[in-house]
């Protein structure tokens, strides 16, 4: 669990660094951070309520970088195609 949070934090930091280097506004940075945090929180909530979502470093990385769209990708891969990330 702690390892997943560390991977998520690293992924979010990498995304923030890339966006900062590209020169996007602070509003864009805040949106990316909120999207990433929401994606990761929803991933943990789905795991807690028993929906068959594997929380590991790959799914945490995908949700950390892509946020809610990443969560949707993880859900489709795991529940639709039975691919465990």
Protein backbone atom coordinates (compact mmCIF):
# COMPACT_ATOMS: atom_id res chain seq x y z
CA UNK A 1 0.00 0.00 0.00
CA UNK A 2 2.74 2.47 0.95
CA UNK A 3 4.69 1.45 -2.14
CA UNK A 4 1.70 2.29 -4.34
CA UNK A 5 1.46 5.73 -2.79
CA UNK A 6 5.16 6.30 -3.42
CA UNK A 7 4.82 5.24 -7.07
CA UNK A 8 1.79 7.52 -7.43
CA UNK A 9 3.68 10.46 -5.93
CA UNK A 10 6.65 9.87 -8.23
CA UNK A 11 4.40 9.65 -11.30
CA UNK A 12 2.63 12.86 -10.32
CA UNK A 13 5.96 14.61 -9.75
CA UNK A 14 7.20 13.53 -13.18
CA UNK A 15 4.04 14.82 -14.84
CA UNK A 16 4.33 18.12 -12.99
CA UNK A 17 7.96 18.46 -14.02
CA UNK A 18 7.15 17.79 -17.66
CA UNK A 19 4.28 20.27 -17.65
CA UNK A 20 6.45 22.85 -15.90
CA UNK A 21 9.16 22.41 -18.53
CA UNK A 22 6.63 22.83 -21.30
CA UNK A 23 5.47 26.07 -19.68
CA UNK A 24 1.81 25.50 -18.91
CA UNK A 25 -0.03 27.73 -16.48
CA UNK A 26 -0.54 27.12 -12.77
CA UNK A 27 -4.22 26.45 -13.45
CA UNK A 28 -3.25 23.57 -15.73
CA UNK A 29 -0.86 22.20 -13.09
CA UNK A 30 -3.57 22.29 -10.43
CA UNK A 31 -5.98 20.51 -12.78
CA UNK A 32 -3.45 17.75 -13.46
CA UNK A 33 -2.75 17.29 -9.74
CA UNK A 34 -6.46 17.13 -8.86
CA UNK A 35 -7.16 14.70 -11.70
CA UNK A 36 -4.30 12.43 -10.62
CA UNK A 37 -5.29 12.48 -6.96
CA UNK A 38 -8.95 11.78 -7.76
CA UNK A 39 -8.00 8.88 -10.02
CA UNK A 40 -5.83 7.31 -7.34
CA UNK A 41 -8.41 7.83 -4.57
CA UNK A 42 -11.17 6.30 -6.68
CA UNK A 43 -8.85 3.35 -7.44
CA UNK A 44 -8.35 2.77 -3.71
CA UNK A 45 -12.08 3.15 -2.98
CA UNK A 46 -12.96 0.60 -5.66
CA UNK A 47 -10.46 -1.80 -4.12
CA UNK A 48 -11.89 -1.19 -0.63
CA UNK A 49 -15.50 -1.89 -1.64
CA UNK A 50 -14.54 -5.13 -3.32
CA UNK A 51 -14.59 -4.38 -7.02
CA UNK A 52 -11.88 -6.61 -8.49
CA UNK A 53 -9.29 -3.92 -9.15
CA UNK A 54 -5.67 -4.82 -8.49
CA UNK A 55 -3.83 -1.95 -6.83
CA UNK A 56 -0.18 -2.36 -7.73
CA UNK A 57 2.63 -0.16 -8.98
CA UNK A 58 1.50 -0.31 -12.61
CA UNK A 59 -2.11 0.67 -11.93
CA UNK A 60 -0.92 3.34 -9.48
CA UNK A 61 1.44 4.72 -12.12
CA UNK A 62 -1.26 4.79 -14.79
CA UNK A 63 -3.71 6.53 -12.45
CA UNK A 64 -1.02 8.93 -11.25
CA UNK A 65 -0.08 10.02 -14.75
CA UNK A 66 -3.45 9.95 -16.46
CA UNK A 67 -5.80 10.49 -13.52
CA UNK A 68 -9.44 9.54 -14.05
CA UNK A 69 -8.98 8.54 -17.72
CA UNK A 70 -6.15 6.26 -16.53
CA UNK A 71 -8.49 4.75 -13.97
CA UNK A 72 -11.00 4.02 -16.72
CA UNK A 73 -8.25 2.33 -18.75
CA UNK A 74 -7.23 0.20 -15.75
CA UNK A 75 -10.85 -0.80 -15.13
CA UNK A 76 -11.40 -1.73 -18.77
CA UNK A 77 -8.22 -3.80 -18.88
CA UNK A 78 -8.84 -5.56 -15.58
CA UNK A 79 -12.60 -6.07 -15.61
CA UNK A 80 -13.28 -6.22 -19.33
CA UNK A 81 -10.29 -8.15 -20.62
CA UNK A 82 -9.16 -9.80 -17.34
CA UNK A 83 -5.66 -8.36 -17.73
CA UNK A 84 -4.06 -7.92 -14.33
CA UNK A 85 -1.65 -5.00 -14.45
